[in-house]
Amino acid sequence: MQPERTRLAWRRTTLSAAVVALLAARQVLHGGPTPAGLTAVGLSMLAWLGLVAVAHQRIRSLSTARPRPLSHRGALLAAACAIAFAGFAVAIVL
């Protein structure tokens, strides 16, 4: 039961990250595209792709009978993507 909840949590996380990236793009286009805003949107899309890659890897590993823990590299990449989203949000607002 726990692997199923974890799998669903990763899917919710990637969905919410996709919404954040799309809202960032909308905000940049609404206020008039600036080079800094477009760069922040492009980087937020790359951060989203990194998060999707980690989530996909984790979801695949959860399909085994005894899933292995998330690797340190995967955890660092997921945390870096979350921090990057926050930084890009600040860049878009300012």
Protein backbone atom coordinates (compact mmCIF):
# COMPACT_ATOMS: atom_id res chain seq x y z
CA MET A 1 0.00 0.00 0.00
CA GLN A 2 2.83 2.42 0.82
CA PRO A 3 4.46 2.22 -2.64
CA GLU A 4 1.11 3.12 -4.22
CA ARG A 5 0.76 6.21 -2.01
CA THR A 6 4.34 7.22 -2.80
CA ARG A 7 3.72 6.76 -6.52
CA LEU A 8 0.63 8.96 -6.32
CA ALA A 9 2.55 11.59 -4.34
CA TRP A 10 5.23 11.77 -7.04
CA ARG A 11 2.54 12.19 -9.69
CA ARG A 12 0.85 14.97 -7.73
CA THR A 13 4.21 16.68 -7.30
CA THR A 14 5.00 16.62 -11.01
CA LEU A 15 1.50 17.85 -11.84
CA SER A 16 1.76 20.76 -9.42
CA ALA A 17 5.23 21.60 -10.76
CA ALA A 18 3.80 21.65 -14.30
CA VAL A 19 1.09 24.05 -13.16
CA VAL A 20 3.71 26.29 -11.55
CA ALA A 21 5.78 26.35 -14.75
CA LEU A 22 2.73 27.16 -16.87
CA LEU A 23 1.60 29.92 -14.51
CA ALA A 24 5.10 31.38 -14.66
CA ALA A 25 4.94 31.41 -18.46
CA ARG A 26 1.51 33.05 -18.31
CA GLN A 27 2.78 35.72 -15.92
CA VAL A 28 5.73 36.54 -18.16
CA LEU A 29 3.59 36.76 -21.28
CA HIS A 30 0.89 38.79 -19.55
CA GLY A 31 3.26 41.48 -18.31
CA GLY A 32 5.15 41.69 -21.59
CA PRO A 33 8.05 39.33 -22.21
CA THR A 34 11.39 40.51 -20.93
CA PRO A 35 14.69 38.71 -21.46
CA ALA A 36 14.98 37.94 -17.74
CA GLY A 37 11.41 36.67 -17.60
CA LEU A 38 11.85 34.45 -20.64
CA THR A 39 15.08 33.08 -19.21
CA ALA A 40 13.35 32.32 -15.90
CA VAL A 41 10.50 30.55 -17.72
CA GLY A 42 12.94 28.51 -19.81
CA LEU A 43 14.90 27.51 -16.73
CA SER A 44 11.72 26.64 -14.84
CA MET A 45 10.74 24.33 -17.72
CA LEU A 46 14.16 22.67 -17.45
CA ALA A 47 13.69 22.31 -13.69
CA TRP A 48 10.31 20.72 -14.35
CA LEU A 49 11.88 18.25 -16.78
CA GLY A 50 14.49 17.36 -14.16
CA LEU A 51 11.75 16.76 -11.60
CA VAL A 52 9.81 14.62 -14.08
CA ALA A 53 12.94 12.53 -14.73
CA VAL A 54 13.47 11.92 -11.00
CA ALA A 55 9.78 11.12 -10.50
CA HIS A 56 9.72 8.71 -13.44
CA GLN A 57 12.78 6.89 -12.13
CA ARG A 58 11.27 6.69 -8.65
CA ILE A 59 7.88 5.49 -9.90
CA ARG A 60 9.57 2.75 -11.92
CA SER A 61 11.60 1.62 -8.92
CA LEU A 62 8.44 1.41 -6.79
CA SER A 63 6.98 -1.28 -9.06
CA THR A 64 9.29 -3.95 -7.61
CA ALA A 65 8.38 -6.10 -4.61
CA ARG A 66 11.00 -4.46 -2.38
CA PRO A 67 11.71 -0.98 -3.73
CA ARG A 68 15.07 0.58 -3.00
CA PRO A 69 15.23 3.95 -1.24
CA LEU A 70 15.57 7.10 -3.29
CA SER A 71 19.20 7.70 -4.18
CA HIS A 72 21.08 10.67 -2.79
CA ARG A 73 21.49 12.03 -6.31
CA GLY A 74 17.76 11.80 -6.96
CA ALA A 75 16.91 13.48 -3.68
CA LEU A 76 19.39 16.29 -4.35
CA LEU A 77 18.03 16.81 -7.86
CA ALA A 78 14.44 16.96 -6.61
CA ALA A 79 15.41 19.45 -3.89
CA ALA A 80 17.41 21.54 -6.37
CA CYS A 81 14.41 21.68 -8.70
CA ALA A 82 12.15 22.88 -5.88
CA ILE A 83 14.65 25.56 -4.86
CA ALA A 84 15.07 26.56 -8.51
CA PHE A 85 11.31 27.03 -8.86
CA ALA A 86 11.37 29.42 -5.90
CA GLY A 87 14.29 31.38 -7.37
CA PHE A 88 12.66 31.63 -10.79
CA ALA A 89 9.43 32.82 -9.19
CA VAL A 90 11.32 35.67 -7.55
CA ALA A 91 12.98 36.54 -10.87
CA ILE A 92 9.62 36.60 -12.66
CA VAL A 93 7.91 38.77 -10.05
CA LEU A 94 10.75 41.27 -9.88
